[in-house]
N, C-alpha and C. Protein backbone atom coordinates (compact mmCIF):
# COMPACT_ATOMS: atom_id res chain seq x y z
N MET A 1 -154.66 61.76 79.80
CA MET A 1 -155.28 61.80 79.04
C MET A 1 -156.45 61.62 79.52
N ARG A 2 -157.78 60.80 78.72
CA ARG A 2 -159.05 61.17 79.21
C ARG A 2 -158.90 59.22 78.67
N ILE A 3 -158.90 57.93 79.39
CA ILE A 3 -158.98 56.90 78.57
C ILE A 3 -160.43 56.10 79.16
N LEU A 4 -161.19 55.48 77.89
CA LEU A 4 -162.43 54.87 78.46
C LEU A 4 -161.26 53.08 78.28
N VAL A 5 -161.68 52.34 79.87
CA VAL A 5 -161.12 51.02 79.78
C VAL A 5 -162.76 50.07 79.91
N VAL A 6 -162.88 49.56 78.53
CA VAL A 6 -164.13 48.68 78.70
C VAL A 6 -163.74 46.69 78.83
N GLY A 7 -163.81 46.46 80.63
CA GLY A 7 -163.70 45.60 80.68
C GLY A 7 -162.92 45.69 81.82
N ALA A 8 -163.18 46.61 82.17
CA ALA A 8 -162.65 47.18 83.28
C ALA A 8 -162.27 46.68 85.16
N SER A 9 -163.48 45.71 84.66
CA SER A 9 -163.53 45.14 86.52
C SER A 9 -163.19 43.84 86.19
N GLY A 10 -162.56 43.31 84.81
CA GLY A 10 -162.07 42.00 84.47
C GLY A 10 -160.57 41.83 85.56
N THR A 11 -159.58 40.71 85.45
CA THR A 11 -158.70 40.52 85.83
C THR A 11 -157.70 41.37 85.17
N ILE A 12 -157.66 41.45 83.69
CA ILE A 12 -156.83 41.79 83.16
C ILE A 12 -157.24 43.64 83.02
N GLY A 13 -158.60 43.75 82.96
CA GLY A 13 -158.92 45.48 83.17
C GLY A 13 -158.78 46.03 84.11
N SER A 14 -158.56 45.50 85.33
CA SER A 14 -158.27 46.12 86.73
C SER A 14 -157.14 46.17 87.14
N GLU A 15 -156.17 45.37 86.46
CA GLU A 15 -154.61 46.18 86.13
C GLU A 15 -154.19 46.70 85.39
N ILE A 16 -155.21 47.43 83.94
CA ILE A 16 -154.92 48.21 83.31
C ILE A 16 -155.17 48.95 83.50
N CYS A 17 -156.78 49.62 84.61
CA CYS A 17 -156.98 50.64 84.88
C CYS A 17 -155.66 50.84 86.63
N LYS A 18 -154.72 50.55 87.23
CA LYS A 18 -153.90 50.41 88.07
C LYS A 18 -152.97 51.39 87.33
N VAL A 19 -152.49 50.35 86.30
CA VAL A 19 -151.33 50.91 85.27
C VAL A 19 -151.21 52.64 84.74
N LEU A 20 -152.71 52.90 84.44
CA LEU A 20 -153.15 53.64 83.51
C LEU A 20 -153.83 54.87 84.65
N ALA A 21 -153.17 55.07 85.97
CA ALA A 21 -153.94 55.72 87.46
C ALA A 21 -153.91 56.62 86.94
N ASN A 22 -152.98 57.39 86.59
CA ASN A 22 -151.83 58.57 86.39
C ASN A 22 -152.76 59.76 84.91
N HIS A 23 -153.60 58.71 84.27
CA HIS A 23 -154.55 59.31 83.19
C HIS A 23 -156.14 59.44 84.31
N GLU A 24 -157.11 60.10 83.61
CA GLU A 24 -158.61 60.03 83.44
C GLU A 24 -158.76 58.62 83.16
N ILE A 25 -159.40 57.53 83.41
CA ILE A 25 -160.11 56.45 83.43
C ILE A 25 -161.19 56.55 83.66
N ILE A 26 -161.88 56.40 82.56
CA ILE A 26 -163.51 55.70 82.85
C ILE A 26 -163.48 54.45 82.45
N ARG A 27 -164.16 54.45 83.48
CA ARG A 27 -164.17 52.33 83.22
C ARG A 27 -165.51 51.57 82.98
N ALA A 28 -165.85 51.55 81.84
CA ALA A 28 -166.84 50.85 81.91
C ALA A 28 -166.94 48.89 81.44
N GLY A 29 -168.42 48.41 81.77
CA GLY A 29 -168.82 47.07 81.60
C GLY A 29 -169.89 47.17 81.53
N ARG A 30 -170.53 45.70 81.26
CA ARG A 30 -171.43 44.84 81.17
C ARG A 30 -172.27 45.19 83.03
N ASN A 31 -171.75 45.17 83.97
CA ASN A 31 -171.98 45.59 85.30
C ASN A 31 -171.74 47.08 85.69
N GLY A 32 -171.95 47.89 84.64
CA GLY A 32 -172.55 49.46 85.55
C GLY A 32 -170.95 50.04 84.96
N LEU A 33 -170.40 49.84 86.38
CA LEU A 33 -169.02 50.85 86.80
C LEU A 33 -169.16 52.49 86.40
N ASP A 34 -168.53 52.91 85.16
CA ASP A 34 -169.07 54.55 85.33
C ASP A 34 -169.90 54.45 84.38
N VAL A 35 -169.45 53.47 83.34
CA VAL A 35 -170.52 53.60 82.76
C VAL A 35 -171.13 52.10 81.73
N SER A 36 -172.13 51.67 81.67
CA SER A 36 -173.04 50.25 81.34
C SER A 36 -172.12 50.16 79.93
N VAL A 37 -171.67 49.49 79.06
CA VAL A 37 -172.41 48.46 78.11
C VAL A 37 -171.60 47.41 77.69
N ASP A 38 -172.57 46.87 76.62
CA ASP A 38 -173.07 45.28 76.11
C ASP A 38 -172.02 45.60 74.93
N THR A 39 -170.86 45.08 74.31
CA THR A 39 -170.02 45.05 73.45
C THR A 39 -170.72 44.04 71.71
N THR A 40 -171.89 43.55 72.55
CA THR A 40 -172.18 42.91 71.67
C THR A 40 -173.38 43.60 70.81
N SER A 41 -173.65 44.78 71.25
CA SER A 41 -174.95 45.43 70.97
C SER A 41 -174.01 46.15 70.34
N GLU A 42 -174.19 46.74 69.03
CA GLU A 42 -173.73 47.97 68.15
C GLU A 42 -174.38 49.25 69.22
N GLN A 43 -176.29 49.17 69.40
CA GLN A 43 -176.47 50.26 70.00
C GLN A 43 -175.87 50.70 71.36
N SER A 44 -175.51 49.49 71.82
CA SER A 44 -175.28 49.78 73.49
C SER A 44 -173.37 50.63 73.44
N ILE A 45 -172.95 50.12 72.44
CA ILE A 45 -171.55 51.05 72.07
C ILE A 45 -171.78 52.10 71.97
N ARG A 46 -172.61 52.77 70.89
CA ARG A 46 -173.46 53.80 70.55
C ARG A 46 -173.76 54.58 71.82
N ASP A 47 -174.64 54.10 72.58
CA ASP A 47 -174.93 54.78 73.49
C ASP A 47 -173.98 54.80 75.01
N MET A 48 -172.59 53.77 74.73
CA MET A 48 -172.00 54.04 75.50
C MET A 48 -171.08 55.45 75.31
N TYR A 49 -170.80 55.58 74.33
CA TYR A 49 -170.21 56.42 73.54
C TYR A 49 -170.27 57.85 73.50
N ASN A 50 -171.90 58.32 73.24
CA ASN A 50 -172.96 59.35 73.33
C ASN A 50 -172.60 59.63 74.80
N GLN A 51 -172.69 58.88 75.85
CA GLN A 51 -172.45 59.02 77.32
C GLN A 51 -171.13 59.84 78.05
N ILE A 52 -170.17 59.26 77.69
CA ILE A 52 -168.96 59.59 77.79
C ILE A 52 -168.21 60.90 77.04
N GLY A 53 -168.80 61.47 75.75
CA GLY A 53 -168.23 61.89 74.53
C GLY A 53 -166.98 61.63 74.49
N LYS A 54 -165.43 62.95 74.04
CA LYS A 54 -164.49 62.49 73.54
C LYS A 54 -163.82 62.14 74.50
N VAL A 55 -162.49 61.31 73.85
CA VAL A 55 -161.67 60.35 74.85
C VAL A 55 -160.52 60.35 73.96
N ASP A 56 -159.06 60.57 74.92
CA ASP A 56 -157.82 60.03 74.52
C ASP A 56 -157.68 58.93 73.69
N ALA A 57 -158.13 57.79 74.48
CA ALA A 57 -158.07 56.31 73.86
C ALA A 57 -158.78 55.46 74.46
N VAL A 58 -158.52 54.60 73.89
CA VAL A 58 -160.22 53.79 74.04
C VAL A 58 -159.69 52.39 74.14
N VAL A 59 -159.21 51.12 75.33
CA VAL A 59 -158.94 50.06 75.89
C VAL A 59 -159.97 48.70 75.63
N ASN A 60 -159.25 47.97 75.48
CA ASN A 60 -160.78 47.10 75.20
C ASN A 60 -160.25 45.83 76.24
N ALA A 61 -160.69 45.31 77.21
CA ALA A 61 -160.17 44.17 77.76
C ALA A 61 -161.71 42.86 78.02
N ALA A 62 -162.35 43.15 77.28
CA ALA A 62 -163.44 42.45 77.67
C ALA A 62 -163.12 41.77 75.76
N GLY A 63 -164.27 40.63 76.13
CA GLY A 63 -164.84 39.83 75.30
C GLY A 63 -164.69 37.90 75.37
N GLY A 64 -165.39 37.20 75.27
CA GLY A 64 -165.44 35.82 75.53
C GLY A 64 -165.57 35.34 73.93
N ALA A 65 -165.20 34.15 74.46
CA ALA A 65 -165.89 32.74 73.96
C ALA A 65 -166.10 31.27 73.95
N ASN A 66 -166.43 30.37 73.52
CA ASN A 66 -166.38 29.34 73.80
C ASN A 66 -165.52 28.40 74.16
N PHE A 67 -165.68 27.42 75.20
CA PHE A 67 -164.30 26.11 74.81
C PHE A 67 -165.26 25.35 73.77
N ALA A 68 -164.76 24.44 73.18
CA ALA A 68 -165.28 23.31 72.62
C ALA A 68 -164.58 22.33 71.40
N SER A 69 -164.78 21.74 71.80
CA SER A 69 -163.28 20.87 70.29
C SER A 69 -164.52 21.06 69.03
N VAL A 70 -163.20 20.86 68.07
CA VAL A 70 -164.25 20.99 66.95
C VAL A 70 -165.39 20.35 66.65
N SER A 71 -165.09 18.75 66.83
CA SER A 71 -166.33 18.58 66.76
C SER A 71 -167.68 18.91 67.16
N GLU A 72 -167.64 18.87 68.39
CA GLU A 72 -168.95 19.51 69.30
C GLU A 72 -168.74 21.09 69.08
N LEU A 73 -167.84 21.76 68.42
CA LEU A 73 -168.34 23.03 68.14
C LEU A 73 -170.13 23.52 67.21
N THR A 74 -170.71 24.18 67.28
CA THR A 74 -171.86 23.94 66.33
C THR A 74 -171.69 25.83 65.78
N PRO A 75 -172.51 26.13 64.87
CA PRO A 75 -172.46 27.23 64.69
C PRO A 75 -172.86 27.97 65.91
N GLU A 76 -173.79 27.58 66.85
CA GLU A 76 -174.70 28.46 67.63
C GLU A 76 -173.52 29.16 68.96
N LEU A 77 -172.17 28.07 69.11
CA LEU A 77 -171.72 27.71 69.93
C LEU A 77 -170.41 28.65 70.01
N ASN A 78 -170.17 28.48 68.56
CA ASN A 78 -169.40 29.79 68.04
C ASN A 78 -169.43 31.21 67.59
N GLU A 79 -170.82 31.43 67.93
CA GLU A 79 -171.56 32.81 67.73
C GLU A 79 -171.00 33.77 68.44
N ARG A 80 -170.37 32.88 69.74
CA ARG A 80 -170.34 33.78 70.85
C ARG A 80 -168.93 34.76 70.59
N GLY A 81 -168.33 33.63 70.18
CA GLY A 81 -166.14 34.08 69.51
C GLY A 81 -166.73 35.58 68.48
N ILE A 82 -167.46 35.10 67.57
CA ILE A 82 -167.70 35.94 66.29
C ILE A 82 -167.93 37.67 67.18
N GLN A 83 -169.57 36.81 68.11
CA GLN A 83 -170.20 38.33 68.13
C GLN A 83 -169.51 39.20 70.18
N SER A 84 -168.39 38.63 70.52
CA SER A 84 -167.80 39.35 71.52
C SER A 84 -166.85 39.64 71.45
N LYS A 85 -165.73 38.87 71.30
CA LYS A 85 -164.69 39.04 70.84
C LYS A 85 -164.18 39.77 69.58
N LEU A 86 -165.01 39.24 68.39
CA LEU A 86 -164.51 39.75 67.30
C LEU A 86 -165.26 40.97 66.96
N LYS A 87 -166.50 40.79 66.61
CA LYS A 87 -167.25 41.90 66.00
C LYS A 87 -167.61 42.92 67.32
N GLY A 88 -167.78 43.04 68.36
CA GLY A 88 -167.36 43.38 70.02
C GLY A 88 -166.62 44.44 69.35
N GLN A 89 -165.02 44.14 69.26
CA GLN A 89 -163.87 44.45 69.19
C GLN A 89 -163.90 45.20 68.14
N ILE A 90 -164.83 44.78 67.29
CA ILE A 90 -164.08 45.62 65.72
C ILE A 90 -164.89 47.29 65.65
N ASN A 91 -166.10 46.95 66.52
CA ASN A 91 -166.91 47.67 66.63
C ASN A 91 -167.54 48.62 67.72
N LEU A 92 -165.81 48.37 68.48
CA LEU A 92 -166.12 49.87 69.41
C LEU A 92 -165.07 50.88 68.58
N VAL A 93 -164.10 50.02 67.31
CA VAL A 93 -163.00 50.88 66.71
C VAL A 93 -164.51 51.61 65.71
N LEU A 94 -164.67 51.35 64.73
CA LEU A 94 -166.25 50.96 63.75
C LEU A 94 -167.09 52.83 64.41
N ILE A 95 -167.37 52.64 64.91
CA ILE A 95 -168.43 53.19 66.21
C ILE A 95 -167.60 54.27 67.13
N GLY A 96 -166.25 54.24 67.24
CA GLY A 96 -165.79 54.74 68.15
C GLY A 96 -164.83 55.70 67.59
N MET A 97 -164.36 55.66 66.06
CA MET A 97 -163.10 56.57 65.49
C MET A 97 -163.82 57.82 65.82
N ASP A 98 -165.24 58.05 65.68
CA ASP A 98 -165.60 60.10 65.82
C ASP A 98 -164.59 60.23 67.20
N TYR A 99 -165.33 59.63 68.44
CA TYR A 99 -165.33 60.07 69.68
C TYR A 99 -163.26 60.04 69.88
N VAL A 100 -162.76 59.69 69.28
CA VAL A 100 -161.46 59.92 69.83
C VAL A 100 -160.93 60.71 69.31
N ASN A 101 -159.94 62.01 69.88
CA ASN A 101 -159.36 62.45 69.94
C ASN A 101 -157.96 62.04 68.91
N ASP A 102 -157.68 63.35 67.73
CA ASP A 102 -157.03 63.32 67.11
C ASP A 102 -155.32 63.40 67.70
N GLY A 103 -155.01 61.87 67.08
CA GLY A 103 -152.90 61.35 67.53
C GLY A 103 -153.76 60.17 68.69
N GLY A 104 -155.00 60.12 68.87
CA GLY A 104 -155.01 59.26 70.21
C GLY A 104 -154.91 57.13 69.50
N SER A 105 -155.48 56.97 70.19
CA SER A 105 -155.13 55.65 70.48
C SER A 105 -156.42 54.36 71.12
N PHE A 106 -156.24 53.50 69.71
CA PHE A 106 -157.30 52.26 69.70
C PHE A 106 -156.02 51.23 70.63
N THR A 107 -157.04 49.91 71.65
CA THR A 107 -156.31 48.74 72.03
C THR A 107 -156.69 48.21 72.03
N LEU A 108 -156.86 46.79 71.41
CA LEU A 108 -157.35 45.83 71.47
C LEU A 108 -156.96 44.49 71.97
N THR A 109 -157.73 43.47 71.88
CA THR A 109 -157.13 42.26 73.35
C THR A 109 -157.74 40.39 71.79
N THR A 110 -156.33 40.32 71.78
CA THR A 110 -155.99 39.05 71.01
C THR A 110 -156.15 38.18 72.11
N GLY A 111 -155.05 37.21 72.11
CA GLY A 111 -154.69 36.16 72.90
C GLY A 111 -153.74 34.95 72.09
N VAL A 112 -152.99 34.11 73.35
CA VAL A 112 -152.34 33.14 72.86
C VAL A 112 -152.70 31.71 72.03
N MET A 113 -153.52 32.14 72.19
CA MET A 113 -154.17 30.99 71.27
C MET A 113 -154.24 30.95 70.09
N MET A 114 -154.44 31.74 69.26
CA MET A 114 -154.24 32.12 68.12
C MET A 114 -152.76 31.92 67.43
N ASP A 115 -152.10 31.86 68.63
CA ASP A 115 -150.71 31.52 67.89
C ASP A 115 -150.13 30.60 68.53
N ASP A 116 -150.70 29.45 69.39
CA ASP A 116 -151.01 28.37 70.55
C ASP A 116 -151.64 27.70 70.16
N PRO A 117 -152.12 27.04 69.48
CA PRO A 117 -153.77 26.61 69.82
C PRO A 117 -153.26 24.92 71.08
N ILE A 118 -155.13 25.56 71.46
CA ILE A 118 -155.06 24.40 72.77
C ILE A 118 -156.24 23.32 72.36
N PRO A 119 -156.30 22.24 73.17
CA PRO A 119 -157.44 21.98 72.74
C PRO A 119 -158.67 22.36 73.06
N MET A 120 -159.64 22.82 72.14
CA MET A 120 -160.92 23.04 72.59
C MET A 120 -161.57 24.53 72.25
N GLY A 121 -159.39 25.24 71.63
CA GLY A 121 -160.20 27.16 71.70
C GLY A 121 -159.70 27.45 70.49
N ALA A 122 -160.36 26.34 69.23
CA ALA A 122 -160.50 27.00 68.16
C ALA A 122 -161.21 28.18 67.90
N SER A 123 -162.57 27.93 68.65
CA SER A 123 -162.80 29.31 67.99
C SER A 123 -162.61 30.68 68.93
N ALA A 124 -162.28 30.89 69.67
CA ALA A 124 -161.46 31.45 70.76
C ALA A 124 -159.83 32.08 69.66
N ALA A 125 -159.20 30.82 69.09
CA ALA A 125 -158.42 30.98 68.31
C ALA A 125 -159.05 32.14 66.55
N MET A 126 -159.88 31.44 66.10
CA MET A 126 -160.66 32.30 64.83
C MET A 126 -160.55 33.72 65.54
N ALA A 127 -161.22 34.05 67.20
CA ALA A 127 -161.96 35.09 67.19
C ALA A 127 -160.76 36.24 67.12
N ASN A 128 -159.39 35.86 67.86
CA ASN A 128 -158.60 36.24 68.40
C ASN A 128 -157.69 36.75 66.76
N GLY A 129 -157.47 36.11 65.84
CA GLY A 129 -156.38 36.02 64.48
C GLY A 129 -157.49 36.70 63.80
N GLY A 130 -158.63 37.14 63.94
CA GLY A 130 -159.25 38.34 63.03
C GLY A 130 -158.94 39.13 63.60
N VAL A 131 -159.19 39.58 64.76
CA VAL A 131 -158.58 40.98 65.01
C VAL A 131 -157.30 41.36 65.47
N LYS A 132 -156.64 40.40 65.56
CA LYS A 132 -155.03 40.83 64.74
C LYS A 132 -154.78 41.16 63.50
N SER A 133 -155.76 40.87 62.77
CA SER A 133 -155.72 40.93 61.05
C SER A 133 -156.02 42.70 61.01
N PHE A 134 -157.20 42.01 61.36
CA PHE A 134 -157.76 43.78 61.67
C PHE A 134 -157.71 45.20 62.18
N VAL A 135 -156.61 45.23 63.30
CA VAL A 135 -155.19 46.18 63.33
C VAL A 135 -153.83 46.19 62.65
N LYS A 136 -153.60 45.10 62.16
CA LYS A 136 -152.61 44.75 61.20
C LYS A 136 -153.57 45.75 60.17
N ALA A 137 -153.98 45.53 59.81
CA ALA A 137 -154.69 46.50 58.10
C ALA A 137 -155.47 47.67 58.43
N ALA A 138 -156.14 47.72 59.53
CA ALA A 138 -156.51 49.22 59.72
C ALA A 138 -155.79 49.92 59.84
N SER A 139 -154.36 49.50 60.45
CA SER A 139 -153.66 50.75 61.22
C SER A 139 -152.51 51.56 59.53
N ILE A 140 -152.67 50.85 58.66
CA ILE A 140 -152.28 51.64 57.71
C ILE A 140 -153.46 53.25 56.65
N GLU A 141 -154.87 52.75 57.79
CA GLU A 141 -155.37 54.51 56.57
C GLU A 141 -155.98 54.26 57.95
N MET A 142 -155.61 54.62 59.36
CA MET A 142 -156.69 55.06 60.57
C MET A 142 -156.39 56.88 60.27
N PRO A 143 -157.24 57.39 60.29
CA PRO A 143 -157.52 59.22 60.55
C PRO A 143 -156.73 59.56 61.60
N ARG A 144 -156.64 60.95 61.22
CA ARG A 144 -156.23 61.74 62.11
C ARG A 144 -155.63 61.16 63.13
N GLY A 145 -154.31 60.58 62.36
CA GLY A 145 -153.10 60.10 63.73
C GLY A 145 -153.22 59.38 64.87
N ILE A 146 -154.73 58.53 64.59
CA ILE A 146 -155.28 57.95 65.18
C ILE A 146 -154.33 56.23 65.21
N ARG A 147 -153.53 56.56 66.33
CA ARG A 147 -153.07 54.37 67.12
C ARG A 147 -153.75 53.09 66.88
N ILE A 148 -153.78 52.81 66.65
CA ILE A 148 -154.43 51.21 66.56
C ILE A 148 -152.86 49.78 67.09
N ASN A 149 -153.14 48.97 68.29
CA ASN A 149 -152.94 47.88 68.80
C ASN A 149 -153.53 46.74 69.05
N SER A 150 -152.91 45.92 69.30
CA SER A 150 -153.57 44.71 69.92
C SER A 150 -152.28 43.75 71.35
N VAL A 151 -153.30 43.80 72.32
CA VAL A 151 -152.79 42.51 72.71
C VAL A 151 -152.76 41.40 72.47
N SER A 152 -151.55 40.54 73.33
CA SER A 152 -152.34 39.50 73.33
C SER A 152 -151.10 38.49 74.41
N PRO A 153 -152.56 38.37 75.51
CA PRO A 153 -151.64 37.36 76.65
C PRO A 153 -151.63 36.37 76.42
N ASN A 154 -150.44 35.72 77.49
CA ASN A 154 -150.41 34.23 77.37
C ASN A 154 -151.94 33.80 78.61
N ILE A 155 -152.45 32.89 79.20
CA ILE A 155 -153.03 32.84 79.92
C ILE A 155 -152.00 33.37 81.75
N VAL A 156 -153.39 33.93 82.44
CA VAL A 156 -152.67 35.09 83.53
C VAL A 156 -153.04 34.12 84.82
N GLN A 157 -151.45 34.31 85.95
CA GLN A 157 -151.94 33.42 87.03
C GLN A 157 -153.25 33.62 87.84
N GLU A 158 -153.50 34.63 87.77
CA GLU A 158 -154.75 34.88 88.37
C GLU A 158 -156.11 34.04 88.31
N SER A 159 -155.84 33.30 86.51
CA SER A 159 -156.64 33.24 86.34
C SER A 159 -156.41 31.12 86.39
N TRP A 160 -155.16 31.13 86.97
CA TRP A 160 -154.56 30.06 86.76
C TRP A 160 -155.66 28.47 87.15
N SER A 161 -155.76 28.93 88.22
CA SER A 161 -155.99 27.49 89.03
C SER A 161 -157.81 27.18 88.70
N LYS A 162 -158.33 28.30 87.66
CA LYS A 162 -159.42 27.57 86.98
C LYS A 162 -158.89 27.18 85.74
N MET A 163 -158.39 27.43 84.75
CA MET A 163 -157.74 27.58 83.52
C MET A 163 -156.86 26.72 82.88
N GLU A 164 -156.00 25.99 84.53
CA GLU A 164 -155.01 25.09 83.83
C GLU A 164 -155.54 24.02 82.86
N LYS A 165 -156.21 23.40 82.98
CA LYS A 165 -157.05 22.60 82.51
C LYS A 165 -156.91 22.39 81.36
N TYR A 166 -156.74 23.88 80.67
CA TYR A 166 -156.71 23.83 78.77
C TYR A 166 -155.67 23.98 78.73
N PHE A 167 -154.76 24.83 79.31
CA PHE A 167 -153.65 24.97 78.94
C PHE A 167 -152.09 24.42 79.40
N ALA A 168 -152.72 23.21 79.58
CA ALA A 168 -150.85 22.13 79.86
C ALA A 168 -149.91 22.88 79.19
N GLY A 169 -148.63 22.60 79.84
CA GLY A 169 -147.37 22.90 79.28
C GLY A 169 -147.03 24.87 79.26
N PHE A 170 -148.65 25.19 79.66
CA PHE A 170 -147.69 26.91 79.84
C PHE A 170 -147.57 27.32 81.23
N SER A 171 -146.74 27.97 80.56
CA SER A 171 -146.39 29.02 82.23
C SER A 171 -147.35 30.12 82.02
N PRO A 172 -148.09 30.57 83.08
CA PRO A 172 -148.84 31.48 83.47
C PRO A 172 -148.36 32.78 83.81
N VAL A 173 -148.75 34.69 83.03
CA VAL A 173 -148.08 35.80 83.61
C VAL A 173 -149.15 36.64 84.32
N PRO A 174 -147.88 37.00 85.59
CA PRO A 174 -148.50 37.86 86.11
C PRO A 174 -149.98 38.91 85.45
N ALA A 175 -151.14 39.56 85.50
CA ALA A 175 -151.69 40.48 84.68
C ALA A 175 -151.37 41.61 84.68
N VAL A 176 -150.42 41.92 86.26
CA VAL A 176 -149.90 42.97 86.02
C VAL A 176 -148.68 43.56 84.48
N ARG A 177 -147.76 42.13 84.08
CA ARG A 177 -147.41 42.21 83.24
C ARG A 177 -148.20 42.56 82.08
N VAL A 178 -149.06 41.64 81.65
CA VAL A 178 -149.95 42.16 80.90
C VAL A 178 -150.43 43.09 80.58
N ALA A 179 -150.94 43.95 81.80
CA ALA A 179 -151.09 45.32 81.84
C ALA A 179 -150.54 46.34 81.31
N LEU A 180 -149.00 46.10 81.24
CA LEU A 180 -147.90 47.21 80.91
C LEU A 180 -147.78 47.15 78.90
N SER A 181 -148.63 45.78 78.28
CA SER A 181 -148.20 45.78 76.83
C SER A 181 -149.29 47.18 77.40
N TYR A 182 -150.78 47.04 77.65
CA TYR A 182 -151.59 48.17 77.40
C TYR A 182 -151.18 49.72 77.53
N LYS A 183 -150.16 49.41 78.69
CA LYS A 183 -149.82 51.06 78.61
C LYS A 183 -148.62 51.67 77.99
N LYS A 184 -147.90 50.88 77.00
CA LYS A 184 -147.40 50.74 75.88
C LYS A 184 -147.75 51.37 75.17
N SER A 185 -148.84 50.75 74.39
CA SER A 185 -149.73 50.97 73.58
C SER A 185 -150.38 52.35 73.43
N VAL A 186 -150.75 52.59 74.86
CA VAL A 186 -151.99 53.54 75.15
C VAL A 186 -150.68 55.27 74.97
N GLU A 187 -149.63 55.30 75.95
CA GLU A 187 -148.77 55.53 76.01
C GLU A 187 -147.41 56.22 74.83
N GLY A 188 -147.48 55.34 74.58
CA GLY A 188 -146.09 54.86 73.33
C GLY A 188 -146.39 55.27 71.67
N ALA A 189 -146.15 55.56 71.22
CA ALA A 189 -145.90 55.61 69.43
C ALA A 189 -145.94 55.03 68.47
N GLN A 190 -146.50 53.35 69.13
CA GLN A 190 -146.41 52.33 67.62
C GLN A 190 -147.98 52.01 67.29
N THR A 191 -147.85 51.43 66.08
CA THR A 191 -149.14 51.65 65.50
C THR A 191 -149.35 50.27 65.13
N GLY A 192 -150.54 49.75 64.51
CA GLY A 192 -149.92 48.48 63.93
C GLY A 192 -149.95 46.88 64.75
N GLN A 193 -149.55 47.16 66.12
CA GLN A 193 -148.56 45.99 66.39
C GLN A 193 -149.75 45.21 67.40
N ASN A 194 -149.13 43.60 67.49
CA ASN A 194 -149.68 42.98 68.60
C ASN A 194 -149.02 42.19 69.46
N TYR A 195 -149.03 42.87 70.71
CA TYR A 195 -147.73 42.96 72.04
C TYR A 195 -148.24 41.38 72.40
N GLU A 196 -147.67 40.76 72.27
CA GLU A 196 -146.78 39.43 73.00
C GLU A 196 -146.60 39.42 74.33
N VAL A 197 -147.43 38.23 75.31
CA VAL A 197 -146.97 38.46 76.57
C VAL A 197 -147.21 37.69 76.92
N TYR A 198 -145.58 36.81 77.10
CA TYR A 198 -145.31 35.45 77.33
C TYR A 198 -144.09 34.66 77.85
């Protein structure tokens, strides 16, 4: 398969590339790699797809949100989660549909915070929940046999030292375990799923 991995240089993205290494991987991100993309820009997404052409699968491990308490969360701070984690991922699907071959797939990323809230995580939870709902609803009408799923990772061990203060009582998981859920989505047959990795 020819697989586009967006966010390929990140902690989870790099592990996704490893577990899918038996396929042709096109690595995309803000910092170049095989192709550059800024998922907050529709034009950048269009340019990326025009540059790479047809693929069998699109995997997204990019997207962020600001951590702030609800009392300090302004519309401006919240916008990062909307533009990056929510709209960025959905636009990868909406713009990318014509570039995915028949029977191909999209795999997006949600996260544990939407189901297991943490202080200062409301913005990320909002974006994650929106992506999960989009995946579930979109799966029933995707064209040409294209599948769509999402992966909901717990905090990963590789990020634990800098993120532990936000995730009191959580048990981190290795990024490679998270990456296997993306492999399941790409190489499997399910659609409309949100694979939870705890």
